[in-house]
Amino acid sequence: IGRFCPESFARRWMGEKDYEKGQRIFTRSGGWVVAVSRALPVLSEVLSCTAGLMRMPFGRFALALASGAIPVGFLFAAIGAAGHEEPGWAIAFAILLPLLLWFVASRAIRR
């Protein structure tokens, strides 16, 4: 979605200072940001849109996306498989893991 917006829109929407900061972040460590965010609710979608606004190269974005999404997909598949025998534990884990990850991420964001 962000990729379809013209750069002038991104600069106006984010402000010049934040746009430049976003450019530096996504140039230096955009792949890490996208990959790590895959396990986090809402933040992953926001960062994907921001990567588009920052014109992160598509190949790098796709690789980072896969690097983060594939392990998380296997983790949740394992939770689902374990939940076949003990559905209560699987549901609790599926709820608690995102909460724990969000707690850690929100602390990091505040810094």
PDB file of N, CA and C in Angstrom:
ATOM      1  N   ILE A   1       0.840  -1.194   0.000  1.00  0.00           N
ATOM      2  CA  ILE A   1       0.000   0.000   0.000  1.00  0.00           C
ATOM      3  C   ILE A   1       0.878   1.249   0.000  1.00  0.00           C
ATOM      4  N   GLY A   2       1.895   1.241   0.862  1.00  0.00           N
ATOM      5  CA  GLY A   2       2.775   2.406   0.939  1.00  0.00           C
ATOM      6  C   GLY A   2       3.511   2.662  -0.358  1.00  0.00           C
ATOM      7  N   ARG A   3       3.827   1.605  -1.082  1.00  0.00           N
ATOM      8  CA  ARG A   3       4.572   1.741  -2.341  1.00  0.00           C
ATOM      9  C   ARG A   3       3.773   2.515  -3.381  1.00  0.00           C
ATOM     10  N   PHE A   4       2.441   2.450  -3.306  1.00  0.00           N
ATOM     11  CA  PHE A   4       1.602   3.126  -4.291  1.00  0.00           C
ATOM     12  C   PHE A   4       1.455   4.623  -4.024  1.00  0.00           C
ATOM     13  N   CYS A   5       1.862   5.076  -2.860  1.00  0.00           N
ATOM     14  CA  CYS A   5       1.767   6.501  -2.520  1.00  0.00           C
ATOM     15  C   CYS A   5       2.974   7.240  -3.072  1.00  0.00           C
ATOM     16  N   PRO A   6       2.752   8.405  -3.652  1.00  0.00           N
ATOM     17  CA  PRO A   6       3.905   9.171  -4.135  1.00  0.00           C
ATOM     18  C   PRO A   6       4.768   9.656  -2.961  1.00  0.00           C
ATOM     19  N   GLU A   7       6.040   9.868  -3.244  1.00  0.00           N
ATOM     20  CA  GLU A   7       6.960  10.322  -2.203  1.00  0.00           C
ATOM     21  C   GLU A   7       6.494  11.639  -1.583  1.00  0.00           C
ATOM     22  N   SER A   8       5.918  12.517  -2.385  1.00  0.00           N
ATOM     23  CA  SER A   8       5.445  13.804  -1.854  1.00  0.00           C
ATOM     24  C   SER A   8       4.367  13.592  -0.790  1.00  0.00           C
ATOM     25  N   PHE A   9       3.489  12.600  -1.000  1.00  0.00           N
ATOM     26  CA  PHE A   9       2.471  12.286   0.001  1.00  0.00           C
ATOM     27  C   PHE A   9       3.125  11.794   1.290  1.00  0.00           C
ATOM     28  N   ALA A  10       4.094  10.887   1.156  1.00  0.00           N
ATOM     29  CA  ALA A  10       4.779  10.335   2.327  1.00  0.00           C
ATOM     30  C   ALA A  10       5.470  11.436   3.116  1.00  0.00           C
ATOM     31  N   ARG A  11       6.126  12.352   2.423  1.00  0.00           N
ATOM     32  CA  ARG A  11       6.821  13.452   3.106  1.00  0.00           C
ATOM     33  C   ARG A  11       5.833  14.362   3.842  1.00  0.00           C
ATOM     34  N   ARG A  12       4.699  14.654   3.218  1.00  0.00           N
ATOM     35  CA  ARG A  12       3.678  15.499   3.862  1.00  0.00           C
ATOM     36  C   ARG A  12       3.054  14.788   5.053  1.00  0.00           C
ATOM     37  N   TRP A  13       2.715  13.517   4.882  1.00  0.00           N
ATOM     38  CA  TRP A  13       2.019  12.753   5.910  1.00  0.00           C
ATOM     39  C   TRP A  13       2.901  12.529   7.126  1.00  0.00           C
ATOM     40  N   MET A  14       4.159  12.183   6.889  1.00  0.00           N
ATOM     41  CA  MET A  14       5.074  11.869   7.991  1.00  0.00           C
ATOM     42  C   MET A  14       5.795  13.097   8.527  1.00  0.00           C
ATOM     43  N   GLY A  15       5.897  14.108   7.715  1.00  0.00           N
ATOM     44  CA  GLY A  15       6.708  15.262   8.084  1.00  0.00           C
ATOM     45  C   GLY A  15       8.129  15.024   7.589  1.00  0.00           C
ATOM     46  N   GLU A  16       8.786  16.090   7.228  1.00  0.00           N
ATOM     47  CA  GLU A  16      10.116  15.979   6.630  1.00  0.00           C
ATOM     48  C   GLU A  16      11.118  15.265   7.545  1.00  0.00           C
ATOM     49  N   LYS A  17      11.118  15.641   8.826  1.00  0.00           N
ATOM     50  CA  LYS A  17      12.075  15.062   9.782  1.00  0.00           C
ATOM     51  C   LYS A  17      11.860  13.549   9.940  1.00  0.00           C
ATOM     52  N   ASP A  18      10.612  13.118  10.142  1.00  0.00           N
ATOM     53  CA  ASP A  18      10.321  11.691  10.316  1.00  0.00           C
ATOM     54  C   ASP A  18      10.542  10.907   9.024  1.00  0.00           C
ATOM     55  N   TYR A  19      10.267  11.549   7.891  1.00  0.00           N
ATOM     56  CA  TYR A  19      10.511  10.865   6.618  1.00  0.00           C
ATOM     57  C   TYR A  19      12.000  10.579   6.455  1.00  0.00           C
ATOM     58  N   GLU A  20      12.828  11.556   6.730  1.00  0.00           N
ATOM     59  CA  GLU A  20      14.283  11.364   6.626  1.00  0.00           C
ATOM     60  C   GLU A  20      14.768  10.309   7.621  1.00  0.00           C
ATOM     61  N   LYS A  21      14.232  10.338   8.838  1.00  0.00           N
ATOM     62  CA  LYS A  21      14.599   9.330   9.843  1.00  0.00           C
ATOM     63  C   LYS A  21      14.190   7.932   9.362  1.00  0.00           C
ATOM     64  N   GLY A  22      12.994   7.812   8.816  1.00  0.00           N
ATOM     65  CA  GLY A  22      12.524   6.531   8.277  1.00  0.00           C
ATOM     66  C   GLY A  22      13.415   6.042   7.142  1.00  0.00           C
ATOM     67  N   GLN A  23      13.845   6.959   6.293  1.00  0.00           N
ATOM     68  CA  GLN A  23      14.751   6.590   5.202  1.00  0.00           C
ATOM     69  C   GLN A  23      16.047   5.996   5.749  1.00  0.00           C
ATOM     70  N   ARG A  24      16.610   6.636   6.782  1.00  0.00           N
ATOM     71  CA  ARG A  24      17.854   6.128   7.381  1.00  0.00           C
ATOM     72  C   ARG A  24      17.633   4.751   7.991  1.00  0.00           C
ATOM     73  N   ILE A  25      16.537   4.584   8.721  1.00  0.00           N
ATOM     74  CA  ILE A  25      16.256   3.300   9.375  1.00  0.00           C
ATOM     75  C   ILE A  25      16.076   2.197   8.341  1.00  0.00           C
ATOM     76  N   PHE A  26      15.264   2.447   7.321  1.00  0.00           N
ATOM     77  CA  PHE A  26      14.976   1.397   6.346  1.00  0.00           C
ATOM     78  C   PHE A  26      16.133   1.161   5.385  1.00  0.00           C
ATOM     79  N   THR A  27      17.034   2.126   5.246  1.00  0.00           N
ATOM     80  CA  THR A  27      18.235   1.907   4.437  1.00  0.00           C
ATOM     81  C   THR A  27      19.225   1.037   5.190  1.00  0.00           C
ATOM     82  N   ARG A  28      19.417   1.333   6.471  1.00  0.00           N
ATOM     83  CA  ARG A  28      20.402   0.607   7.279  1.00  0.00           C
ATOM     84  C   ARG A  28      19.899  -0.725   7.789  1.00  0.00           C
ATOM     85  N   SER A  29      18.718  -0.737   8.377  1.00  0.00           N
ATOM     86  CA  SER A  29      18.263  -1.948   9.072  1.00  0.00           C
ATOM     87  C   SER A  29      16.805  -2.292   8.788  1.00  0.00           C
ATOM     88  N   GLY A  30      16.318  -1.908   7.644  1.00  0.00           N
ATOM     89  CA  GLY A  30      14.926  -2.198   7.295  1.00  0.00           C
ATOM     90  C   GLY A  30      14.602  -3.679   7.255  1.00  0.00           C
ATOM     91  N   GLY A  31      15.562  -4.479   6.797  1.00  0.00           N
ATOM     92  CA  GLY A  31      15.338  -5.928   6.751  1.00  0.00           C
ATOM     93  C   GLY A  31      15.128  -6.505   8.129  1.00  0.00           C
ATOM     94  N   TRP A  32      15.958  -6.084   9.074  1.00  0.00           N
ATOM     95  CA  TRP A  32      15.811  -6.550  10.465  1.00  0.00           C
ATOM     96  C   TRP A  32      14.465  -6.116  11.039  1.00  0.00           C
ATOM     97  N   VAL A  33      14.097  -4.881  10.783  1.00  0.00           N
ATOM     98  CA  VAL A  33      12.843  -4.340  11.322  1.00  0.00           C
ATOM     99  C   VAL A  33      11.660  -5.156  10.815  1.00  0.00           C
ATOM    100  N   VAL A  34      11.643  -5.426   9.521  1.00  0.00           N
ATOM    101  CA  VAL A  34      10.535  -6.190   8.926  1.00  0.00           C
ATOM    102  C   VAL A  34      10.534  -7.629   9.449  1.00  0.00           C
ATOM    103  N   ALA A  35      11.692  -8.270   9.477  1.00  0.00           N
ATOM    104  CA  ALA A  35      11.758  -9.677   9.902  1.00  0.00           C
ATOM    105  C   ALA A  35      11.328  -9.850  11.353  1.00  0.00           C
ATOM    106  N   VAL A  36      11.827  -9.017  12.231  1.00  0.00           N
ATOM    107  CA  VAL A  36      11.520  -9.153  13.657  1.00  0.00           C
ATOM    108  C   VAL A  36      10.057  -8.819  13.942  1.00  0.00           C
ATOM    109  N   SER A  37       9.487  -7.920  13.164  1.00  0.00           N
ATOM    110  CA  SER A  37       8.113  -7.488  13.431  1.00  0.00           C
ATOM    111  C   SER A  37       7.059  -8.527  13.075  1.00  0.00           C
ATOM    112  N   ARG A  38       7.415  -9.562  12.356  1.00  0.00           N
ATOM    113  CA  ARG A  38       6.422 -10.543  11.901  1.00  0.00           C
ATOM    114  C   ARG A  38       5.641 -11.181  13.036  1.00  0.00           C
ATOM    115  N   ALA A  39       6.231 -11.351  14.188  1.00  0.00           N
ATOM    116  CA  ALA A  39       5.546 -12.014  15.297  1.00  0.00           C
ATOM    117  C   ALA A  39       4.698 -11.042  16.116  1.00  0.00           C
ATOM    118  N   LEU A  40       4.741  -9.762  15.775  1.00  0.00           N
ATOM    119  CA  LEU A  40       4.059  -8.760  16.596  1.00  0.00           C
ATOM    120  C   LEU A  40       2.743  -8.327  15.951  1.00  0.00           C
ATOM    121  N   PRO A  41       1.676  -8.305  16.733  1.00  0.00           N
ATOM    122  CA  PRO A  41       0.393  -7.893  16.174  1.00  0.00           C
ATOM    123  C   PRO A  41       0.406  -6.415  15.805  1.00  0.00           C
ATOM    124  N   VAL A  42      -0.260  -6.065  14.738  1.00  0.00           N
ATOM    125  CA  VAL A  42      -0.461  -4.716  14.218  1.00  0.00           C
ATOM    126  C   VAL A  42       0.847  -4.075  13.740  1.00  0.00           C
ATOM    127  N   LEU A  43       1.875  -4.124  14.552  1.00  0.00           N
ATOM    128  CA  LEU A  43       3.143  -3.485  14.202  1.00  0.00           C
ATOM    129  C   LEU A  43       3.696  -4.024  12.892  1.00  0.00           C
ATOM    130  N   SER A  44       3.517  -5.304  12.635  1.00  0.00           N
ATOM    131  CA  SER A  44       4.047  -5.888  11.396  1.00  0.00           C
ATOM    132  C   SER A  44       3.395  -5.258  10.162  1.00  0.00           C
ATOM    133  N   GLU A  45       2.103  -5.015  10.222  1.00  0.00           N
ATOM    134  CA  GLU A  45       1.412  -4.403   9.086  1.00  0.00           C
ATOM    135  C   GLU A  45       1.822  -2.942   8.929  1.00  0.00           C
ATOM    136  N   VAL A  46       1.936  -2.240  10.027  1.00  0.00           N
ATOM    137  CA  VAL A  46       2.349  -0.830   9.981  1.00  0.00           C
ATOM    138  C   VAL A  46       3.743  -0.717   9.371  1.00  0.00           C
ATOM    139  N   LEU A  47       4.660  -1.575   9.818  1.00  0.00           N
ATOM    140  CA  LEU A  47       6.024  -1.516   9.297  1.00  0.00           C
ATOM    141  C   LEU A  47       6.100  -1.945   7.832  1.00  0.00           C
ATOM    142  N   SER A  48       5.238  -2.836   7.411  1.00  0.00           N
ATOM    143  CA  SER A  48       5.205  -3.215   5.993  1.00  0.00           C
ATOM    144  C   SER A  48       4.768  -2.032   5.137  1.00  0.00           C
ATOM    145  N   CYS A  49       3.751  -1.320   5.583  1.00  0.00           N
ATOM    146  CA  CYS A  49       3.304  -0.126   4.852  1.00  0.00           C
ATOM    147  C   CYS A  49       4.394   0.943   4.856  1.00  0.00           C
ATOM    148  N   THR A  50       5.052   1.108   5.988  1.00  0.00           N
ATOM    149  CA  THR A  50       6.128   2.100   6.088  1.00  0.00           C
ATOM    150  C   THR A  50       7.296   1.722   5.182  1.00  0.00           C
ATOM    151  N   ALA A  51       7.607   0.439   5.102  1.00  0.00           N
ATOM    152  CA  ALA A  51       8.678  -0.007   4.197  1.00  0.00           C
ATOM    153  C   ALA A  51       8.348   0.397   2.760  1.00  0.00           C
ATOM    154  N   GLY A  52       7.087   0.304   2.387  1.00  0.00           N
ATOM    155  CA  GLY A  52       6.671   0.745   1.055  1.00  0.00           C
ATOM    156  C   GLY A  52       6.820   2.240   0.881  1.00  0.00           C
ATOM    157  N   LEU A  53       6.406   2.999   1.884  1.00  0.00           N
ATOM    158  CA  LEU A  53       6.557   4.459   1.824  1.00  0.00           C
ATOM    159  C   LEU A  53       8.023   4.871   1.691  1.00  0.00           C
ATOM    160  N   MET A  54       8.901   4.113   2.347  1.00  0.00           N
ATOM    161  CA  MET A  54      10.333   4.418   2.335  1.00  0.00           C
ATOM    162  C   MET A  54      11.038   3.859   1.101  1.00  0.00           C
ATOM    163  N   ARG A  55      10.251   3.216   0.223  1.00  0.00           N
ATOM    164  CA  ARG A  55      10.774   2.640  -1.014  1.00  0.00           C
ATOM    165  C   ARG A  55      11.861   1.588  -0.759  1.00  0.00           C
ATOM    166  N   MET A  56      11.644   0.775   0.280  1.00  0.00           N
ATOM    167  CA  MET A  56      12.558  -0.336   0.543  1.00  0.00           C
ATOM    168  C   MET A  56      12.547  -1.238  -0.687  1.00  0.00           C
ATOM    169  N   PRO A  57      13.711  -1.652  -1.181  1.00  0.00           N
ATOM    170  CA  PRO A  57      13.729  -2.517  -2.369  1.00  0.00           C
ATOM    171  C   PRO A  57      12.873  -3.771  -2.146  1.00  0.00           C
ATOM    172  N   PHE A  58      12.057  -4.108  -3.151  1.00  0.00           N
ATOM    173  CA  PHE A  58      11.095  -5.197  -2.990  1.00  0.00           C
ATOM    174  C   PHE A  58      11.768  -6.526  -2.677  1.00  0.00           C
ATOM    175  N   GLY A  59      12.882  -6.827  -3.329  1.00  0.00           N
ATOM    176  CA  GLY A  59      13.571  -8.098  -3.075  1.00  0.00           C
ATOM    177  C   GLY A  59      14.020  -8.213  -1.633  1.00  0.00           C
ATOM    178  N   ARG A  60      14.590  -7.137  -1.101  1.00  0.00           N
ATOM    179  CA  ARG A  60      15.028  -7.135   0.304  1.00  0.00           C
ATOM    180  C   ARG A  60      13.824  -7.273   1.227  1.00  0.00           C
ATOM    181  N   PHE A  61      12.737  -6.571   0.895  1.00  0.00           N
ATOM    182  CA  PHE A  61      11.518  -6.654   1.710  1.00  0.00           C
ATOM    183  C   PHE A  61      10.967  -8.080   1.712  1.00  0.00           C
ATOM    184  N   ALA A  62      10.892  -8.695   0.536  1.00  0.00           N
ATOM    185  CA  ALA A  62      10.340 -10.048   0.437  1.00  0.00           C
ATOM    186  C   ALA A  62      11.192 -11.050   1.219  1.00  0.00           C
ATOM    187  N   LEU A  63      12.502 -10.916   1.130  1.00  0.00           N
ATOM    188  CA  LEU A  63      13.391 -11.811   1.869  1.00  0.00           C
ATOM    189  C   LEU A  63      13.231 -11.618   3.385  1.00  0.00           C
ATOM    190  N   ALA A  64      13.164 -10.369   3.819  1.00  0.00           N
ATOM    191  CA  ALA A  64      12.968 -10.090   5.250  1.00  0.00           C
ATOM    192  C   ALA A  64      11.605 -10.598   5.718  1.00  0.00           C
ATOM    193  N   LEU A  65      10.602 -10.401   4.895  1.00  0.00           N
ATOM    194  CA  LEU A  65       9.258 -10.871   5.219  1.00  0.00           C
ATOM    195  C   LEU A  65       9.246 -12.388   5.398  1.00  0.00           C
ATOM    196  N   ALA A  66       9.855 -13.097   4.464  1.00  0.00           N
ATOM    197  CA  ALA A  66       9.911 -14.560   4.554  1.00  0.00           C
ATOM    198  C   ALA A  66      10.737 -15.005   5.759  1.00  0.00           C
ATOM    199  N   SER A  67      11.836 -14.311   6.014  1.00  0.00           N
ATOM    200  CA  SER A  67      12.707 -14.671   7.150  1.00  0.00           C
ATOM    201  C   SER A  67      11.973 -14.562   8.478  1.00  0.00           C
ATOM    202  N   GLY A  68      11.066 -13.622   8.573  1.00  0.00           N
ATOM    203  CA  GLY A  68      10.305 -13.469   9.809  1.00  0.00           C
ATOM    204  C   GLY A  68       9.037 -14.297   9.840  1.00  0.00           C
ATOM    205  N   ALA A  69       8.359 -14.401   8.710  1.00  0.00           N
ATOM    206  CA  ALA A  69       7.048 -15.051   8.691  1.00  0.00           C
ATOM    207  C   ALA A  69       7.135 -16.579   8.720  1.00  0.00           C
ATOM    208  N   ILE A  70       8.121 -17.149   8.070  1.00  0.00           N
ATOM    209  CA  ILE A  70       8.206 -18.620   8.007  1.00  0.00           C
ATOM    210  C   ILE A  70       8.417 -19.233   9.395  1.00  0.00           C
ATOM    211  N   PRO A  71       9.396 -18.759  10.188  1.00  0.00           N
ATOM    212  CA  PRO A  71       9.539 -19.347  11.531  1.00  0.00           C
ATOM    213  C   PRO A  71       8.301 -19.138  12.413  1.00  0.00           C
ATOM    214  N   VAL A  72       7.694 -17.967  12.306  1.00  0.00           N
ATOM    215  CA  VAL A  72       6.490 -17.701  13.106  1.00  0.00           C
ATOM    216  C   VAL A  72       5.358 -18.622  12.656  1.00  0.00           C
ATOM    217  N   GLY A  73       5.253 -18.856  11.350  1.00  0.00           N
ATOM    218  CA  GLY A  73       4.240 -19.779  10.839  1.00  0.00           C
ATOM    219  C   GLY A  73       4.435 -21.193  11.362  1.00  0.00           C
ATOM    220  N   PHE A  74       5.692 -21.657  11.375  1.00  0.00           N
ATOM    221  CA  PHE A  74       5.978 -22.988  11.920  1.00  0.00           C
ATOM    222  C   PHE A  74       5.692 -23.049  13.419  1.00  0.00           C
ATOM    223  N   LEU A  75       6.014 -21.972  14.130  1.00  0.00           N
ATOM    224  CA  LEU A  75       5.744 -21.932  15.565  1.00  0.00           C
ATOM    225  C   LEU A  75       4.243 -22.072  15.827  1.00  0.00           C
ATOM    226  N   PHE A  76       3.447 -21.319  15.100  1.00  0.00           N
ATOM    227  CA  PHE A  76       2.007 -21.414  15.316  1.00  0.00           C
ATOM    228  C   PHE A  76       1.441 -22.736  14.811  1.00  0.00           C
ATOM    229  N   ALA A  77       2.041 -23.314  13.789  1.00  0.00           N
ATOM    230  CA  ALA A  77       1.615 -24.649  13.352  1.00  0.00           C
ATOM    231  C   ALA A  77       1.902 -25.678  14.446  1.00  0.00           C
ATOM    232  N   ALA A  78       3.059 -25.546  15.100  1.00  0.00           N
ATOM    233  CA  ALA A  78       3.403 -26.461  16.196  1.00  0.00           C
ATOM    234  C   ALA A  78       2.422 -26.295  17.357  1.00  0.00           C
ATOM    235  N   ILE A  79       2.062 -25.045  17.642  1.00  0.00           N
ATOM    236  CA  ILE A  79       1.075 -24.796  18.698  1.00  0.00           C
ATOM    237  C   ILE A  79      -0.251 -25.468  18.332  1.00  0.00           C
ATOM    238  N   GLY A  80      -0.642 -25.336  17.079  1.00  0.00           N
ATOM    239  CA  GLY A  80      -1.891 -25.955  16.632  1.00  0.00           C
ATOM    240  C   GLY A  80      -1.843 -27.472  16.719  1.00  0.00           C
ATOM    241  N   ALA A  81      -0.706 -28.052  16.326  1.00  0.00           N
ATOM    242  CA  ALA A  81      -0.571 -29.510  16.400  1.00  0.00           C
ATOM    243  C   ALA A  81      -0.614 -29.984  17.847  1.00  0.00           C
ATOM    244  N   ALA A  82       0.065 -29.246  18.724  1.00  0.00           N
ATOM    245  CA  ALA A  82       0.032 -29.608  20.145  1.00  0.00           C
ATOM    246  C   ALA A  82      -1.373 -29.423  20.709  1.00  0.00           C
ATOM    247  N   GLY A  83      -2.087 -28.473  20.172  1.00  0.00           N
ATOM    248  CA  GLY A  83      -3.431 -28.187  20.642  1.00  0.00           C
ATOM    249  C   GLY A  83      -4.437 -29.258  20.301  1.00  0.00           C
ATOM    250  N   HIS A  84      -4.089 -30.119  19.399  1.00  0.00           N
ATOM    251  CA  HIS A  84      -4.979 -31.232  19.064  1.00  0.00           C
ATOM    252  C   HIS A  84      -5.188 -32.121  20.288  1.00  0.00           C
ATOM    253  N   GLU A  85      -4.117 -32.320  21.038  1.00  0.00           N
ATOM    254  CA  GLU A  85      -4.175 -33.151  22.246  1.00  0.00           C
ATOM    255  C   GLU A  85      -4.662 -32.341  23.458  1.00  0.00           C
ATOM    256  N   GLU A  86      -4.148 -31.121  23.591  1.00  0.00           N
ATOM    257  CA  GLU A  86      -4.448 -30.261  24.758  1.00  0.00           C
ATOM    258  C   GLU A  86      -4.852 -28.874  24.267  1.00  0.00           C
ATOM    259  N   PRO A  87      -6.081 -28.679  23.810  1.00  0.00           N
ATOM    260  CA  PRO A  87      -6.465 -27.402  23.219  1.00  0.00           C
ATOM    261  C   PRO A  87      -6.359 -26.210  24.181  1.00  0.00           C
ATOM    262  N   GLY A  88      -6.563 -26.419  25.450  1.00  0.00           N
ATOM    263  CA  GLY A  88      -6.474 -25.319  26.418  1.00  0.00           C
ATOM    264  C   GLY A  88      -5.086 -24.719  26.471  1.00  0.00           C
ATOM    265  N   TRP A  89      -4.054 -25.582  26.479  1.00  0.00           N
ATOM    266  CA  TRP A  89      -2.672 -25.093  26.505  1.00  0.00           C
ATOM    267  C   TRP A  89      -2.331 -24.351  25.210  1.00  0.00           C
ATOM    268  N   ALA A  90      -2.782 -24.875  24.100  1.00  0.00           N
ATOM    269  CA  ALA A  90      -2.484 -24.234  22.815  1.00  0.00           C
ATOM    270  C   ALA A  90      -3.121 -22.851  22.727  1.00  0.00           C
ATOM    271  N   ILE A  91      -4.366 -22.755  23.166  1.00  0.00           N
ATOM    272  CA  ILE A  91      -5.042 -21.449  23.150  1.00  0.00           C
ATOM    273  C   ILE A  91      -4.346 -20.479  24.088  1.00  0.00           C
ATOM    274  N   ALA A  92      -4.004 -20.932  25.276  1.00  0.00           N
ATOM    275  CA  ALA A  92      -3.302 -20.060  26.236  1.00  0.00           C
ATOM    276  C   ALA A  92      -1.968 -19.599  25.664  1.00  0.00           C
ATOM    277  N   PHE A  93      -1.212 -20.518  25.052  1.00  0.00           N
ATOM    278  CA  PHE A  93       0.077 -20.158  24.485  1.00  0.00           C
ATOM    279  C   PHE A  93      -0.085 -19.172  23.332  1.00  0.00           C
ATOM    280  N   ALA A  94      -1.085 -19.398  22.479  1.00  0.00           N
ATOM    281  CA  ALA A  94      -1.322 -18.516  21.339  1.00  0.00           C
ATOM    282  C   ALA A  94      -1.742 -17.120  21.780  1.00  0.00           C
ATOM    283  N   ILE A  95      -2.340 -17.005  22.938  1.00  0.00           N
ATOM    284  CA  ILE A  95      -2.726 -15.694  23.462  1.00  0.00           C
ATOM    285  C   ILE A  95      -1.571 -15.068  24.228  1.00  0.00           C
ATOM    286  N   LEU A  96      -0.890 -15.855  25.035  1.00  0.00           N
ATOM    287  CA  LEU A  96       0.181 -15.316  25.880  1.00  0.00           C
ATOM    288  C   LEU A  96       1.443 -14.941  25.106  1.00  0.00           C
ATOM    289  N   LEU A  97       1.800 -15.709  24.082  1.00  0.00           N
ATOM    290  CA  LEU A  97       3.003 -15.397  23.320  1.00  0.00           C
ATOM    291  C   LEU A  97       2.924 -14.018  22.657  1.00  0.00           C
ATOM    292  N   PRO A  98       1.856 -13.695  21.929  1.00  0.00           N
ATOM    293  CA  PRO A  98       1.781 -12.341  21.364  1.00  0.00           C
ATOM    294  C   PRO A  98       1.772 -11.247  22.438  1.00  0.00           C
ATOM    295  N   LEU A  99       1.118 -11.517  23.572  1.00  0.00           N
ATOM    296  CA  LEU A  99       1.131 -10.518  24.649  1.00  0.00           C
ATOM    297  C   LEU A  99       2.543 -10.301  25.171  1.00  0.00           C
ATOM    298  N   LEU A 100       3.282 -11.378  25.367  1.00  0.00           N
ATOM    299  CA  LEU A 100       4.656 -11.269  25.835  1.00  0.00           C
ATOM    300  C   LEU A 100       5.521 -10.530  24.808  1.00  0.00           C
ATOM    301  N   LEU A 101       5.380 -10.896  23.544  1.00  0.00           N
ATOM    302  CA  LEU A 101       6.157 -10.226  22.500  1.00  0.00           C
ATOM    303  C   LEU A 101       5.815  -8.741  22.417  1.00  0.00           C
ATOM    304  N   TRP A 102       4.528  -8.419  22.536  1.00  0.00           N
ATOM    305  CA  TRP A 102       4.130  -7.016  22.476  1.00  0.00           C
ATOM    306  C   TRP A 102       4.668  -6.246  23.680  1.00  0.00           C
ATOM    307  N   PHE A 103       4.666  -6.859  24.854  1.00  0.00           N
ATOM    308  CA  PHE A 103       5.219  -6.218  26.050  1.00  0.00           C
ATOM    309  C   PHE A 103       6.682  -5.862  25.821  1.00  0.00           C
ATOM    310  N   VAL A 104       7.454  -6.811  25.300  1.00  0.00           N
ATOM    311  CA  VAL A 104       8.876  -6.574  25.036  1.00  0.00           C
ATOM    312  C   VAL A 104       9.043  -5.491  23.969  1.00  0.00           C
ATOM    313  N   ALA A 105       8.270  -5.586  22.894  1.00  0.00           N
ATOM    314  CA  ALA A 105       8.385  -4.615  21.808  1.00  0.00           C
ATOM    315  C   ALA A 105       7.986  -3.218  22.267  1.00  0.00           C
ATOM    316  N   SER A 106       6.942  -3.105  23.067  1.00  0.00           N
ATOM    317  CA  SER A 106       6.495  -1.774  23.498  1.00  0.00           C
ATOM    318  C   SER A 106       7.535  -1.121  24.408  1.00  0.00           C
ATOM    319  N   ARG A 107       8.244  -1.917  25.202  1.00  0.00           N
ATOM    320  CA  ARG A 107       9.338  -1.371  26.020  1.00  0.00           C
ATOM    321  C   ARG A 107      10.463  -0.868  25.131  1.00  0.00           C
ATOM    322  N   ALA A 108      10.777  -1.625  24.094  1.00  0.00           N
ATOM    323  CA  ALA A 108      11.845  -1.230  23.180  1.00  0.00           C
ATOM    324  C   ALA A 108      11.459   0.031  22.411  1.00  0.00           C
ATOM    325  N   ILE A 109      10.192   0.144  22.027  1.00  0.00           N
ATOM    326  CA  ILE A 109       9.736   1.307  21.286  1.00  0.00           C
ATOM    327  C   ILE A 109       9.824   2.565  22.142  1.00  0.00           C
ATOM    328  N   ARG A 110       9.494   2.456  23.401  1.00  0.00           N
ATOM    329  CA  ARG A 110       9.534   3.626  24.296  1.00  0.00           C
ATOM    330  C   ARG A 110      10.932   4.209  24.409  1.00  0.00           C
ATOM    331  N   ARG A 111      11.943   3.329  24.333  1.00  0.00           N
ATOM    332  CA  ARG A 111      13.331   3.807  24.420  1.00  0.00           C
ATOM    333  C   ARG A 111      13.672   4.513  23.159  1.00  0.00           C
TER     334      ARG A 111
END
